[in-house]
């Protein structure tokens, strides 16, 4: 499963040709969650509250890039890295 972002110890990954609805996998320590792209809501699993808020805010800010990666993953194309909130841009 390719890692598309990493910030503040949170790993963001997407599976190729994964099930609907569009989502990504977030991991923080031993916690993990499936996060819906459309609204940043956790669909399954859980993250600590602070990590959950950071992931949701980041997902909403980067929704377009995440949706592009979802389409790439569904087509088995290489995924792009998505900057985290702690990246210098």
N, C-alpha and C. Protein backbone atom coordinates (compact mmCIF):
# COMPACT_ATOMS: atom_id res chain seq x y z
N UNK A 1 0.86 -1.17 0.00
CA UNK A 1 0.00 0.00 0.00
C UNK A 1 0.91 1.23 0.00
N UNK A 2 0.85 2.05 -1.05
CA UNK A 2 1.71 3.22 -1.13
C UNK A 2 1.39 4.28 -0.07
N UNK A 3 2.45 4.84 0.50
CA UNK A 3 2.32 5.96 1.41
C UNK A 3 2.30 7.23 0.57
N UNK A 4 1.25 8.03 0.72
CA UNK A 4 1.15 9.26 -0.07
C UNK A 4 1.43 10.51 0.76
N UNK A 5 1.43 10.37 2.09
CA UNK A 5 1.74 11.51 2.95
C UNK A 5 2.18 11.00 4.32
N UNK A 6 2.97 11.81 4.98
CA UNK A 6 3.41 11.51 6.34
C UNK A 6 3.60 12.84 7.04
N UNK A 7 2.90 13.03 8.15
CA UNK A 7 3.05 14.27 8.91
C UNK A 7 2.74 14.03 10.38
N UNK A 8 3.52 14.66 11.23
CA UNK A 8 3.35 14.57 12.68
C UNK A 8 3.17 13.13 13.16
N UNK A 9 3.88 12.20 12.53
CA UNK A 9 3.80 10.80 12.92
C UNK A 9 2.60 10.05 12.36
N UNK A 10 1.81 10.71 11.53
CA UNK A 10 0.63 10.09 10.91
C UNK A 10 1.00 9.66 9.50
N UNK A 11 0.72 8.42 9.17
CA UNK A 11 0.98 7.89 7.84
C UNK A 11 -0.34 7.80 7.08
N UNK A 12 -0.33 8.32 5.85
CA UNK A 12 -1.52 8.29 4.99
C UNK A 12 -1.20 7.39 3.80
N UNK A 13 -2.07 6.39 3.57
CA UNK A 13 -1.84 5.42 2.50
C UNK A 13 -3.13 5.19 1.71
N UNK A 14 -2.95 4.72 0.47
CA UNK A 14 -4.08 4.30 -0.37
C UNK A 14 -3.76 2.95 -0.98
N UNK A 15 -4.77 2.10 -1.03
CA UNK A 15 -4.65 0.82 -1.74
C UNK A 15 -4.99 1.04 -3.21
N UNK A 16 -4.38 0.23 -4.07
CA UNK A 16 -4.78 0.23 -5.47
C UNK A 16 -6.11 -0.51 -5.60
N UNK A 17 -7.00 0.04 -6.43
CA UNK A 17 -8.31 -0.56 -6.73
C UNK A 17 -9.08 -0.94 -5.46
N UNK A 18 -9.09 -0.04 -4.48
CA UNK A 18 -9.78 -0.29 -3.21
C UNK A 18 -11.29 -0.10 -3.39
N UNK A 19 -12.05 -0.55 -2.40
CA UNK A 19 -13.51 -0.48 -2.43
C UNK A 19 -14.00 0.96 -2.27
N UNK A 20 -15.22 1.19 -2.71
CA UNK A 20 -15.89 2.49 -2.54
C UNK A 20 -16.40 2.59 -1.11
N UNK A 21 -16.72 3.76 -0.61
CA UNK A 21 -16.53 5.07 -1.22
C UNK A 21 -15.06 5.47 -1.19
N UNK A 22 -14.68 6.48 -1.98
CA UNK A 22 -13.29 6.93 -2.00
C UNK A 22 -12.80 7.26 -0.58
N UNK A 23 -11.63 6.73 -0.24
CA UNK A 23 -11.11 6.90 1.12
C UNK A 23 -9.60 6.67 1.12
N UNK A 24 -8.99 6.96 2.26
CA UNK A 24 -7.59 6.62 2.48
C UNK A 24 -7.46 5.99 3.85
N UNK A 25 -6.30 5.42 4.10
CA UNK A 25 -6.00 4.77 5.37
C UNK A 25 -5.05 5.67 6.15
N UNK A 26 -5.37 5.97 7.39
CA UNK A 26 -4.51 6.77 8.27
C UNK A 26 -4.06 5.91 9.43
N UNK A 27 -2.77 6.01 9.75
CA UNK A 27 -2.21 5.26 10.88
C UNK A 27 -1.43 6.22 11.77
N UNK A 28 -1.61 6.04 13.05
CA UNK A 28 -0.88 6.84 14.03
C UNK A 28 -0.56 5.91 15.19
N UNK A 29 0.71 5.52 15.30
CA UNK A 29 1.06 4.52 16.29
C UNK A 29 0.32 3.23 15.98
N UNK A 30 -0.36 2.69 16.97
CA UNK A 30 -1.15 1.46 16.76
C UNK A 30 -2.57 1.73 16.29
N UNK A 31 -2.96 3.00 16.27
CA UNK A 31 -4.32 3.36 15.85
C UNK A 31 -4.37 3.45 14.33
N UNK A 32 -5.50 3.04 13.77
CA UNK A 32 -5.68 3.16 12.32
C UNK A 32 -7.14 3.41 12.01
N UNK A 33 -7.35 4.07 10.86
CA UNK A 33 -8.71 4.44 10.48
C UNK A 33 -8.82 4.53 8.96
N UNK A 34 -10.03 4.31 8.47
CA UNK A 34 -10.39 4.57 7.08
C UNK A 34 -11.09 5.92 7.06
N UNK A 35 -10.61 6.83 6.21
CA UNK A 35 -11.12 8.20 6.20
C UNK A 35 -11.72 8.50 4.82
N UNK A 36 -12.96 8.92 4.81
CA UNK A 36 -13.68 9.24 3.57
C UNK A 36 -13.12 10.53 2.96
N UNK A 37 -12.90 10.53 1.65
CA UNK A 37 -12.34 11.71 0.97
C UNK A 37 -13.31 12.88 0.93
N UNK A 38 -14.58 12.62 0.79
CA UNK A 38 -15.55 13.70 0.57
C UNK A 38 -15.66 14.66 1.74
N UNK A 39 -15.48 14.16 2.95
CA UNK A 39 -15.68 15.03 4.12
C UNK A 39 -14.69 14.82 5.26
N UNK A 40 -13.72 13.91 5.08
CA UNK A 40 -12.71 13.68 6.11
C UNK A 40 -13.21 12.92 7.32
N UNK A 41 -14.39 12.33 7.24
CA UNK A 41 -14.97 11.59 8.36
C UNK A 41 -14.38 10.18 8.42
N UNK A 42 -14.10 9.72 9.63
CA UNK A 42 -13.61 8.35 9.83
C UNK A 42 -14.77 7.39 9.61
N UNK A 43 -14.59 6.45 8.67
CA UNK A 43 -15.62 5.46 8.34
C UNK A 43 -15.46 4.20 9.18
N UNK A 44 -14.24 3.88 9.55
CA UNK A 44 -13.96 2.67 10.33
C UNK A 44 -12.68 2.90 11.11
N UNK A 45 -12.56 2.24 12.25
CA UNK A 45 -11.39 2.41 13.10
C UNK A 45 -11.48 3.69 13.89
N UNK A 46 -10.35 4.07 14.46
CA UNK A 46 -10.32 5.33 15.22
C UNK A 46 -8.89 5.81 15.34
N UNK A 47 -8.78 7.11 15.57
CA UNK A 47 -7.51 7.78 15.83
C UNK A 47 -7.69 8.60 17.10
N UNK A 48 -6.60 8.91 17.80
CA UNK A 48 -6.74 9.81 18.95
C UNK A 48 -7.36 11.14 18.48
N UNK A 49 -8.07 11.83 19.36
CA UNK A 49 -8.79 13.05 18.96
C UNK A 49 -7.95 14.09 18.22
N UNK A 50 -6.76 14.38 18.71
CA UNK A 50 -5.93 15.40 18.05
C UNK A 50 -5.51 14.92 16.66
N UNK A 51 -5.10 13.67 16.54
CA UNK A 51 -4.71 13.13 15.23
C UNK A 51 -5.92 13.12 14.30
N UNK A 52 -7.07 12.77 14.80
CA UNK A 52 -8.29 12.75 14.00
C UNK A 52 -8.60 14.13 13.43
N UNK A 53 -8.50 15.16 14.25
CA UNK A 53 -8.75 16.53 13.78
C UNK A 53 -7.73 16.94 12.72
N UNK A 54 -6.44 16.62 12.96
CA UNK A 54 -5.41 16.98 11.99
C UNK A 54 -5.65 16.29 10.66
N UNK A 55 -6.00 15.01 10.70
CA UNK A 55 -6.25 14.26 9.46
C UNK A 55 -7.46 14.83 8.73
N UNK A 56 -8.53 15.11 9.44
CA UNK A 56 -9.73 15.67 8.81
C UNK A 56 -9.43 17.02 8.16
N UNK A 57 -8.78 17.91 8.91
CA UNK A 57 -8.47 19.24 8.37
C UNK A 57 -7.56 19.14 7.15
N UNK A 58 -6.55 18.26 7.22
CA UNK A 58 -5.64 18.06 6.10
C UNK A 58 -6.39 17.50 4.90
N UNK A 59 -7.24 16.50 5.12
CA UNK A 59 -7.99 15.88 4.03
C UNK A 59 -8.89 16.89 3.32
N UNK A 60 -9.53 17.75 4.07
CA UNK A 60 -10.40 18.75 3.46
C UNK A 60 -9.58 19.77 2.67
N UNK A 61 -8.42 20.15 3.19
CA UNK A 61 -7.56 21.10 2.49
C UNK A 61 -6.94 20.50 1.23
N UNK A 62 -6.75 19.19 1.22
CA UNK A 62 -6.08 18.50 0.10
C UNK A 62 -7.02 17.57 -0.67
N UNK A 63 -8.31 17.84 -0.56
CA UNK A 63 -9.31 16.95 -1.15
C UNK A 63 -9.09 16.72 -2.65
N UNK A 64 -8.79 17.76 -3.40
CA UNK A 64 -8.60 17.62 -4.84
C UNK A 64 -7.44 16.68 -5.16
N UNK A 65 -6.32 16.85 -4.47
CA UNK A 65 -5.16 15.98 -4.70
C UNK A 65 -5.46 14.54 -4.28
N UNK A 66 -6.20 14.38 -3.20
CA UNK A 66 -6.56 13.04 -2.75
C UNK A 66 -7.51 12.37 -3.74
N UNK A 67 -8.46 13.13 -4.27
CA UNK A 67 -9.37 12.56 -5.26
C UNK A 67 -8.62 12.17 -6.54
N UNK A 68 -7.64 12.99 -6.94
CA UNK A 68 -6.81 12.63 -8.10
C UNK A 68 -6.07 11.32 -7.83
N UNK A 69 -5.52 11.18 -6.63
CA UNK A 69 -4.82 9.94 -6.29
C UNK A 69 -5.78 8.75 -6.26
N UNK A 70 -7.00 8.96 -5.79
CA UNK A 70 -7.99 7.87 -5.78
C UNK A 70 -8.21 7.36 -7.21
N UNK A 71 -8.37 8.30 -8.15
CA UNK A 71 -8.57 7.90 -9.55
C UNK A 71 -7.34 7.16 -10.08
N UNK A 72 -6.15 7.64 -9.72
CA UNK A 72 -4.92 6.94 -10.15
C UNK A 72 -4.89 5.52 -9.58
N UNK A 73 -5.22 5.40 -8.30
CA UNK A 73 -5.17 4.08 -7.65
C UNK A 73 -6.17 3.12 -8.28
N UNK A 74 -7.34 3.61 -8.61
CA UNK A 74 -8.36 2.75 -9.24
C UNK A 74 -7.89 2.27 -10.61
N UNK A 75 -7.03 3.05 -11.26
CA UNK A 75 -6.52 2.71 -12.59
C UNK A 75 -5.13 2.06 -12.51
N UNK A 76 -4.67 1.76 -11.31
CA UNK A 76 -3.34 1.15 -11.09
C UNK A 76 -2.21 2.02 -11.63
N UNK A 77 -2.37 3.33 -11.53
CA UNK A 77 -1.32 4.26 -11.95
C UNK A 77 -0.54 4.70 -10.72
N UNK A 78 0.71 5.16 -10.90
CA UNK A 78 1.50 5.62 -9.75
C UNK A 78 0.81 6.77 -9.01
N UNK A 79 0.91 6.73 -7.70
CA UNK A 79 0.29 7.77 -6.87
C UNK A 79 1.28 8.90 -6.62
N UNK A 80 0.74 10.09 -6.44
CA UNK A 80 1.54 11.28 -6.15
C UNK A 80 1.61 11.50 -4.64
N UNK A 81 2.73 12.03 -4.19
CA UNK A 81 2.85 12.44 -2.79
C UNK A 81 1.98 13.67 -2.58
N UNK A 82 1.35 13.75 -1.42
CA UNK A 82 0.51 14.89 -1.07
C UNK A 82 1.17 15.57 0.13
N UNK A 83 1.50 16.86 0.02
CA UNK A 83 2.18 17.53 1.13
C UNK A 83 1.34 17.50 2.41
N UNK A 84 2.03 17.31 3.52
CA UNK A 84 1.39 17.38 4.82
C UNK A 84 1.37 18.80 5.33
N UNK A 85 0.66 19.07 6.40
CA UNK A 85 0.60 20.43 6.95
C UNK A 85 1.94 20.91 7.50
N UNK A 86 2.86 19.98 7.73
CA UNK A 86 4.17 20.38 8.27
C UNK A 86 5.23 20.51 7.18
N UNK A 87 4.85 20.35 5.90
CA UNK A 87 5.79 20.52 4.79
C UNK A 87 6.02 21.99 4.52
N UNK A 88 7.25 22.33 4.19
CA UNK A 88 7.57 23.71 3.79
C UNK A 88 7.23 23.86 2.32
N UNK A 89 6.35 24.79 2.03
CA UNK A 89 5.99 25.03 0.63
C UNK A 89 6.25 26.47 0.30
